Amino acid sequence: MALKRTGVNPVTWSLEMGFTQGELVSGATRTLYVSGQTSMNQDGRPEHDGDIAPQLKLSVDNLEAVLAAAGMTLANLVRLNVYTIDVDALFPHYGELAGRLAAASVSPTSTMLGISRLAVPGQLVELEGTAVA
């Protein structure tokens, strides 16, 4: 059975922001649960201390790297959780993430949470996802 994704959107305002209210998935044979990705470099060192725009970009890059290692892309995302210690600072840069999701023709279910801190000091944003293929 081929993978089938059906957006469930009793309201449509969320589509303009790049996410779906719900997503029904059938025919999936593989599910990838992606741990939170931040702006860590390949050596495990944080990059862009306190600068949310490049942190968001590198976090998406790191998310894509995990997906690629599993033979997937952003197009396979069905769930994306965004954690940030500063929601107001993130919103002006959210287009980086929304644009990359749009380029992949995907609008996963999503939750954004403002939290008091992330595990590594200086980190401002973390992305966690679930992908299916």
N, C-alpha and C. Protein backbone atom coordinates (compact mmCIF):
# COMPACT_ATOMS: atom_id res chain seq x y z
N MET A 1 0.85 -1.18 0.00
CA MET A 1 0.00 0.00 0.00
C MET A 1 0.89 1.24 0.00
N ALA A 2 0.61 2.18 -0.86
CA ALA A 2 1.37 3.42 -0.95
C ALA A 2 1.04 4.34 0.23
N LEU A 3 2.02 5.13 0.61
CA LEU A 3 1.83 6.10 1.68
C LEU A 3 0.80 7.13 1.25
N LYS A 4 -0.17 7.37 2.11
CA LYS A 4 -1.19 8.38 1.84
C LYS A 4 -1.30 9.31 3.04
N ARG A 5 -1.23 10.61 2.77
CA ARG A 5 -1.35 11.63 3.81
C ARG A 5 -2.58 12.48 3.52
N THR A 6 -3.42 12.65 4.53
CA THR A 6 -4.61 13.46 4.37
C THR A 6 -4.64 14.50 5.48
N GLY A 7 -4.57 15.77 5.09
CA GLY A 7 -4.67 16.84 6.07
C GLY A 7 -6.08 16.91 6.63
N VAL A 8 -6.19 17.13 7.92
CA VAL A 8 -7.48 17.28 8.59
C VAL A 8 -7.51 18.70 9.15
N ASN A 9 -8.26 19.56 8.48
CA ASN A 9 -8.26 20.98 8.82
C ASN A 9 -9.68 21.53 8.90
N PRO A 10 -10.33 21.42 10.08
CA PRO A 10 -11.66 22.00 10.21
C PRO A 10 -11.62 23.53 10.08
N VAL A 11 -10.45 24.11 10.28
CA VAL A 11 -10.21 25.54 10.03
C VAL A 11 -8.97 25.61 9.14
N THR A 12 -8.79 26.69 8.40
CA THR A 12 -7.69 26.73 7.44
C THR A 12 -6.63 27.78 7.74
N TRP A 13 -6.78 28.57 8.77
CA TRP A 13 -5.81 29.62 9.06
C TRP A 13 -4.41 29.07 9.27
N SER A 14 -4.29 27.85 9.80
CA SER A 14 -2.98 27.29 10.11
C SER A 14 -2.17 26.99 8.84
N LEU A 15 -2.85 26.74 7.73
CA LEU A 15 -2.14 26.42 6.49
C LEU A 15 -1.27 27.59 6.04
N GLU A 16 -1.73 28.83 6.29
CA GLU A 16 -0.94 30.01 5.95
C GLU A 16 0.33 30.10 6.78
N MET A 17 0.33 29.48 7.95
CA MET A 17 1.49 29.49 8.82
C MET A 17 2.36 28.25 8.63
N GLY A 18 1.95 27.37 7.72
CA GLY A 18 2.78 26.23 7.37
C GLY A 18 2.52 24.96 8.15
N PHE A 19 1.38 24.88 8.85
CA PHE A 19 1.11 23.63 9.54
C PHE A 19 -0.35 23.22 9.41
N THR A 20 -0.57 21.94 9.59
CA THR A 20 -1.88 21.31 9.47
C THR A 20 -2.42 21.01 10.86
N GLN A 21 -3.73 21.13 11.03
CA GLN A 21 -4.35 20.84 12.32
C GLN A 21 -4.21 19.37 12.70
N GLY A 22 -4.33 18.50 11.73
CA GLY A 22 -4.18 17.07 11.96
C GLY A 22 -3.76 16.42 10.65
N GLU A 23 -3.18 15.25 10.75
CA GLU A 23 -2.78 14.55 9.53
C GLU A 23 -3.02 13.06 9.71
N LEU A 24 -3.81 12.52 8.81
CA LEU A 24 -4.11 11.10 8.81
C LEU A 24 -3.13 10.43 7.86
N VAL A 25 -2.38 9.45 8.36
CA VAL A 25 -1.37 8.76 7.56
C VAL A 25 -1.75 7.29 7.47
N SER A 26 -1.75 6.77 6.25
CA SER A 26 -2.00 5.35 6.07
C SER A 26 -0.97 4.82 5.08
N GLY A 27 -0.70 3.54 5.17
CA GLY A 27 0.25 2.92 4.27
C GLY A 27 1.70 3.14 4.62
N ALA A 28 1.99 3.75 5.74
CA ALA A 28 3.39 3.99 6.13
C ALA A 28 4.04 2.68 6.53
N THR A 29 5.27 2.50 6.11
CA THR A 29 5.99 1.29 6.49
C THR A 29 7.13 1.59 7.44
N ARG A 30 7.55 2.87 7.49
CA ARG A 30 8.63 3.25 8.40
C ARG A 30 8.28 4.55 9.11
N THR A 31 8.59 4.63 10.38
CA THR A 31 8.40 5.85 11.16
C THR A 31 9.72 6.22 11.81
N LEU A 32 10.11 7.48 11.66
CA LEU A 32 11.34 8.00 12.26
C LEU A 32 10.97 9.04 13.30
N TYR A 33 11.42 8.85 14.52
CA TYR A 33 11.23 9.82 15.59
C TYR A 33 12.54 10.56 15.76
N VAL A 34 12.53 11.86 15.50
CA VAL A 34 13.75 12.66 15.51
C VAL A 34 13.87 13.42 16.82
N SER A 35 14.95 13.18 17.53
CA SER A 35 15.23 13.93 18.76
C SER A 35 15.39 15.41 18.44
N GLY A 36 15.27 16.23 19.46
CA GLY A 36 15.40 17.67 19.28
C GLY A 36 16.72 18.04 18.63
N GLN A 37 16.64 18.82 17.56
CA GLN A 37 17.81 19.28 16.83
C GLN A 37 18.01 20.76 17.11
N THR A 38 19.22 21.11 17.51
CA THR A 38 19.57 22.49 17.79
C THR A 38 20.69 22.91 16.85
N SER A 39 21.31 24.02 17.17
CA SER A 39 22.39 24.52 16.31
C SER A 39 23.75 24.01 16.79
N MET A 40 23.84 22.70 16.90
CA MET A 40 25.11 22.06 17.27
C MET A 40 25.87 21.72 15.99
N ASN A 41 27.20 21.90 16.01
CA ASN A 41 27.97 21.52 14.84
C ASN A 41 28.26 20.03 14.86
N GLN A 42 28.97 19.53 13.86
CA GLN A 42 29.23 18.09 13.76
C GLN A 42 30.09 17.55 14.89
N ASP A 43 30.78 18.43 15.60
CA ASP A 43 31.60 18.01 16.74
C ASP A 43 30.84 18.08 18.06
N GLY A 44 29.54 18.44 18.00
CA GLY A 44 28.73 18.52 19.20
C GLY A 44 28.92 19.80 19.98
N ARG A 45 29.40 20.83 19.31
CA ARG A 45 29.58 22.13 19.95
C ARG A 45 28.49 23.09 19.48
N PRO A 46 27.94 23.89 20.39
CA PRO A 46 26.90 24.84 19.99
C PRO A 46 27.47 25.94 19.10
N GLU A 47 26.66 26.36 18.14
CA GLU A 47 27.02 27.45 17.23
C GLU A 47 26.05 28.61 17.43
N HIS A 48 26.50 29.82 17.12
CA HIS A 48 25.64 31.02 17.08
C HIS A 48 25.01 31.34 18.43
N ASP A 49 25.82 31.34 19.48
CA ASP A 49 25.36 31.62 20.84
C ASP A 49 24.49 32.87 20.89
N GLY A 50 23.24 32.69 21.31
CA GLY A 50 22.32 33.81 21.52
C GLY A 50 21.77 34.45 20.26
N ASP A 51 22.03 33.90 19.07
CA ASP A 51 21.56 34.49 17.82
C ASP A 51 20.54 33.54 17.17
N ILE A 52 19.27 33.86 17.31
CA ILE A 52 18.21 32.91 16.97
C ILE A 52 18.09 32.63 15.47
N ALA A 53 18.35 33.61 14.60
CA ALA A 53 18.18 33.38 13.15
C ALA A 53 19.12 32.29 12.64
N PRO A 54 20.43 32.40 12.85
CA PRO A 54 21.30 31.31 12.36
C PRO A 54 21.11 30.01 13.15
N GLN A 55 20.67 30.11 14.39
CA GLN A 55 20.37 28.88 15.14
C GLN A 55 19.22 28.13 14.51
N LEU A 56 18.18 28.85 14.10
CA LEU A 56 17.03 28.20 13.46
C LEU A 56 17.46 27.54 12.16
N LYS A 57 18.25 28.24 11.35
CA LYS A 57 18.72 27.69 10.08
C LYS A 57 19.52 26.41 10.31
N LEU A 58 20.47 26.43 11.25
CA LEU A 58 21.29 25.24 11.51
C LEU A 58 20.45 24.12 12.12
N SER A 59 19.46 24.46 12.92
CA SER A 59 18.58 23.44 13.49
C SER A 59 17.81 22.72 12.39
N VAL A 60 17.33 23.47 11.39
CA VAL A 60 16.65 22.85 10.26
C VAL A 60 17.63 22.00 9.45
N ASP A 61 18.84 22.53 9.25
CA ASP A 61 19.88 21.74 8.55
C ASP A 61 20.11 20.42 9.26
N ASN A 62 20.22 20.46 10.58
CA ASN A 62 20.47 19.25 11.36
C ASN A 62 19.28 18.29 11.31
N LEU A 63 18.07 18.84 11.33
CA LEU A 63 16.88 18.01 11.18
C LEU A 63 16.90 17.30 9.82
N GLU A 64 17.22 18.05 8.78
CA GLU A 64 17.30 17.47 7.44
C GLU A 64 18.39 16.40 7.36
N ALA A 65 19.48 16.58 8.07
CA ALA A 65 20.56 15.59 8.05
C ALA A 65 20.11 14.27 8.66
N VAL A 66 19.35 14.33 9.75
CA VAL A 66 18.84 13.11 10.36
C VAL A 66 17.86 12.43 9.41
N LEU A 67 16.97 13.22 8.82
CA LEU A 67 16.01 12.67 7.86
C LEU A 67 16.75 12.00 6.69
N ALA A 68 17.76 12.67 6.15
CA ALA A 68 18.51 12.14 5.01
C ALA A 68 19.20 10.83 5.37
N ALA A 69 19.72 10.75 6.58
CA ALA A 69 20.40 9.53 7.02
C ALA A 69 19.44 8.34 7.07
N ALA A 70 18.14 8.63 7.18
CA ALA A 70 17.12 7.58 7.18
C ALA A 70 16.46 7.44 5.80
N GLY A 71 17.02 8.13 4.79
CA GLY A 71 16.44 8.06 3.46
C GLY A 71 15.16 8.86 3.31
N MET A 72 15.02 9.91 4.10
CA MET A 72 13.82 10.75 4.08
C MET A 72 14.21 12.21 3.86
N THR A 73 13.18 13.04 3.66
CA THR A 73 13.37 14.48 3.51
C THR A 73 12.33 15.20 4.38
N LEU A 74 12.36 16.52 4.34
CA LEU A 74 11.33 17.28 5.05
C LEU A 74 9.93 16.90 4.58
N ALA A 75 9.81 16.45 3.34
CA ALA A 75 8.50 16.04 2.82
C ALA A 75 7.89 14.88 3.59
N ASN A 76 8.71 14.15 4.35
CA ASN A 76 8.22 13.01 5.12
C ASN A 76 7.73 13.41 6.52
N LEU A 77 7.97 14.66 6.93
CA LEU A 77 7.56 15.09 8.28
C LEU A 77 6.05 15.08 8.42
N VAL A 78 5.56 14.47 9.48
CA VAL A 78 4.14 14.55 9.81
C VAL A 78 3.92 15.30 11.12
N ARG A 79 4.99 15.49 11.88
CA ARG A 79 4.90 16.20 13.17
C ARG A 79 6.18 16.98 13.36
N LEU A 80 6.05 18.24 13.79
CA LEU A 80 7.21 19.07 14.08
C LEU A 80 6.91 19.89 15.33
N ASN A 81 7.70 19.68 16.36
CA ASN A 81 7.58 20.48 17.58
C ASN A 81 8.71 21.49 17.60
N VAL A 82 8.37 22.73 17.90
CA VAL A 82 9.34 23.82 17.96
C VAL A 82 9.39 24.31 19.40
N TYR A 83 10.57 24.25 19.99
CA TYR A 83 10.77 24.73 21.35
C TYR A 83 11.68 25.95 21.27
N THR A 84 11.32 27.00 21.99
CA THR A 84 12.15 28.20 22.00
C THR A 84 12.07 28.87 23.37
N ILE A 85 13.15 29.53 23.72
CA ILE A 85 13.10 30.28 24.98
C ILE A 85 12.60 31.70 24.75
N ASP A 86 12.36 32.07 23.47
CA ASP A 86 11.86 33.41 23.16
C ASP A 86 10.98 33.37 21.92
N VAL A 87 9.69 33.15 22.13
CA VAL A 87 8.74 33.06 21.01
C VAL A 87 8.74 34.36 20.21
N ASP A 88 8.74 35.49 20.89
CA ASP A 88 8.70 36.78 20.19
C ASP A 88 9.92 36.98 19.30
N ALA A 89 11.09 36.54 19.74
CA ALA A 89 12.30 36.67 18.93
C ALA A 89 12.30 35.68 17.77
N LEU A 90 11.63 34.54 17.93
CA LEU A 90 11.60 33.53 16.87
C LEU A 90 10.69 33.93 15.72
N PHE A 91 9.54 34.53 16.00
CA PHE A 91 8.55 34.81 14.96
C PHE A 91 9.10 35.59 13.76
N PRO A 92 9.93 36.62 13.94
CA PRO A 92 10.43 37.33 12.75
C PRO A 92 11.30 36.45 11.84
N HIS A 93 11.80 35.35 12.36
CA HIS A 93 12.68 34.47 11.59
C HIS A 93 12.00 33.15 11.22
N TYR A 94 10.73 33.01 11.58
CA TYR A 94 10.02 31.75 11.35
C TYR A 94 9.90 31.42 9.87
N GLY A 95 10.01 32.44 9.02
CA GLY A 95 9.96 32.22 7.58
C GLY A 95 11.03 31.27 7.09
N GLU A 96 12.17 31.22 7.76
CA GLU A 96 13.23 30.27 7.40
C GLU A 96 12.70 28.85 7.44
N LEU A 97 12.02 28.51 8.51
CA LEU A 97 11.45 27.18 8.66
C LEU A 97 10.25 26.99 7.74
N ALA A 98 9.33 27.94 7.76
CA ALA A 98 8.12 27.82 6.94
C ALA A 98 8.47 27.74 5.45
N GLY A 99 9.46 28.49 5.02
CA GLY A 99 9.87 28.46 3.62
C GLY A 99 10.44 27.13 3.21
N ARG A 100 11.22 26.53 4.08
CA ARG A 100 11.80 25.23 3.75
C ARG A 100 10.74 24.14 3.76
N LEU A 101 9.77 24.24 4.64
CA LEU A 101 8.65 23.29 4.62
C LEU A 101 7.83 23.47 3.35
N ALA A 102 7.56 24.72 2.98
CA ALA A 102 6.80 24.98 1.76
C ALA A 102 7.53 24.46 0.53
N ALA A 103 8.86 24.64 0.49
CA ALA A 103 9.64 24.14 -0.64
C ALA A 103 9.55 22.62 -0.74
N ALA A 104 9.35 21.95 0.39
CA ALA A 104 9.20 20.49 0.42
C ALA A 104 7.73 20.08 0.23
N SER A 105 6.85 21.06 0.02
CA SER A 105 5.41 20.82 -0.15
C SER A 105 4.81 20.05 1.02
N VAL A 106 5.18 20.46 2.23
CA VAL A 106 4.68 19.78 3.42
C VAL A 106 4.23 20.81 4.45
N SER A 107 3.18 20.48 5.17
CA SER A 107 2.72 21.30 6.29
C SER A 107 2.39 20.36 7.44
N PRO A 108 3.43 19.92 8.17
CA PRO A 108 3.21 18.94 9.22
C PRO A 108 2.40 19.50 10.38
N THR A 109 1.81 18.60 11.16
CA THR A 109 1.20 19.06 12.39
C THR A 109 2.33 19.67 13.22
N SER A 110 2.01 20.66 14.02
CA SER A 110 3.09 21.38 14.70
C SER A 110 2.61 22.00 15.99
N THR A 111 3.54 22.10 16.92
CA THR A 111 3.32 22.81 18.17
C THR A 111 4.55 23.65 18.44
N MET A 112 4.34 24.92 18.83
CA MET A 112 5.45 25.77 19.25
C MET A 112 5.27 26.03 20.73
N LEU A 113 6.33 25.80 21.47
CA LEU A 113 6.29 26.00 22.91
C LEU A 113 7.37 26.98 23.35
N GLY A 114 6.98 27.96 24.14
CA GLY A 114 7.94 28.83 24.80
C GLY A 114 8.32 28.18 26.11
N ILE A 115 9.61 27.97 26.31
CA ILE A 115 10.10 27.28 27.51
C ILE A 115 11.13 28.15 28.21
N SER A 116 11.49 27.78 29.42
CA SER A 116 12.40 28.62 30.18
C SER A 116 13.86 28.49 29.75
N ARG A 117 14.25 27.30 29.25
CA ARG A 117 15.61 27.14 28.74
C ARG A 117 15.72 25.82 28.01
N LEU A 118 16.77 25.71 27.21
CA LEU A 118 17.12 24.45 26.55
C LEU A 118 18.30 23.84 27.29
N ALA A 119 18.66 22.64 26.94
CA ALA A 119 19.70 21.91 27.67
C ALA A 119 21.06 22.59 27.62
N VAL A 120 21.39 23.21 26.49
CA VAL A 120 22.70 23.84 26.32
C VAL A 120 22.55 25.35 26.44
N PRO A 121 23.26 25.98 27.36
CA PRO A 121 23.18 27.44 27.50
C PRO A 121 23.51 28.14 26.18
N GLY A 122 22.74 29.20 25.88
CA GLY A 122 22.95 29.95 24.66
C GLY A 122 22.10 29.46 23.49
N GLN A 123 21.54 28.25 23.61
CA GLN A 123 20.67 27.73 22.57
C GLN A 123 19.28 28.33 22.76
N LEU A 124 18.67 28.77 21.66
CA LEU A 124 17.39 29.46 21.73
C LEU A 124 16.24 28.71 21.07
N VAL A 125 16.54 27.73 20.22
CA VAL A 125 15.49 27.03 19.49
C VAL A 125 15.88 25.56 19.29
N GLU A 126 14.88 24.69 19.33
CA GLU A 126 15.09 23.25 19.14
C GLU A 126 13.90 22.69 18.36
N LEU A 127 14.20 21.82 17.40
CA LEU A 127 13.17 21.22 16.55
C LEU A 127 13.15 19.71 16.75
N GLU A 128 11.96 19.16 16.96
CA GLU A 128 11.77 17.73 17.18
C GLU A 128 10.70 17.25 16.21
N GLY A 129 10.92 16.12 15.56
CA GLY A 129 9.95 15.72 14.55
C GLY A 129 9.65 14.24 14.48
N THR A 130 8.61 13.92 13.74
CA THR A 130 8.25 12.55 13.41
C THR A 130 8.04 12.52 11.91
N ALA A 131 8.65 11.54 11.25
CA ALA A 131 8.55 11.40 9.80
C ALA A 131 8.10 9.99 9.47
N VAL A 132 7.40 9.85 8.36
CA VAL A 132 6.94 8.53 7.91
C VAL A 132 7.30 8.35 6.45
N ALA A 133 7.48 7.10 6.08
CA ALA A 133 7.74 6.76 4.67
C ALA A 133 7.06 5.44 4.36
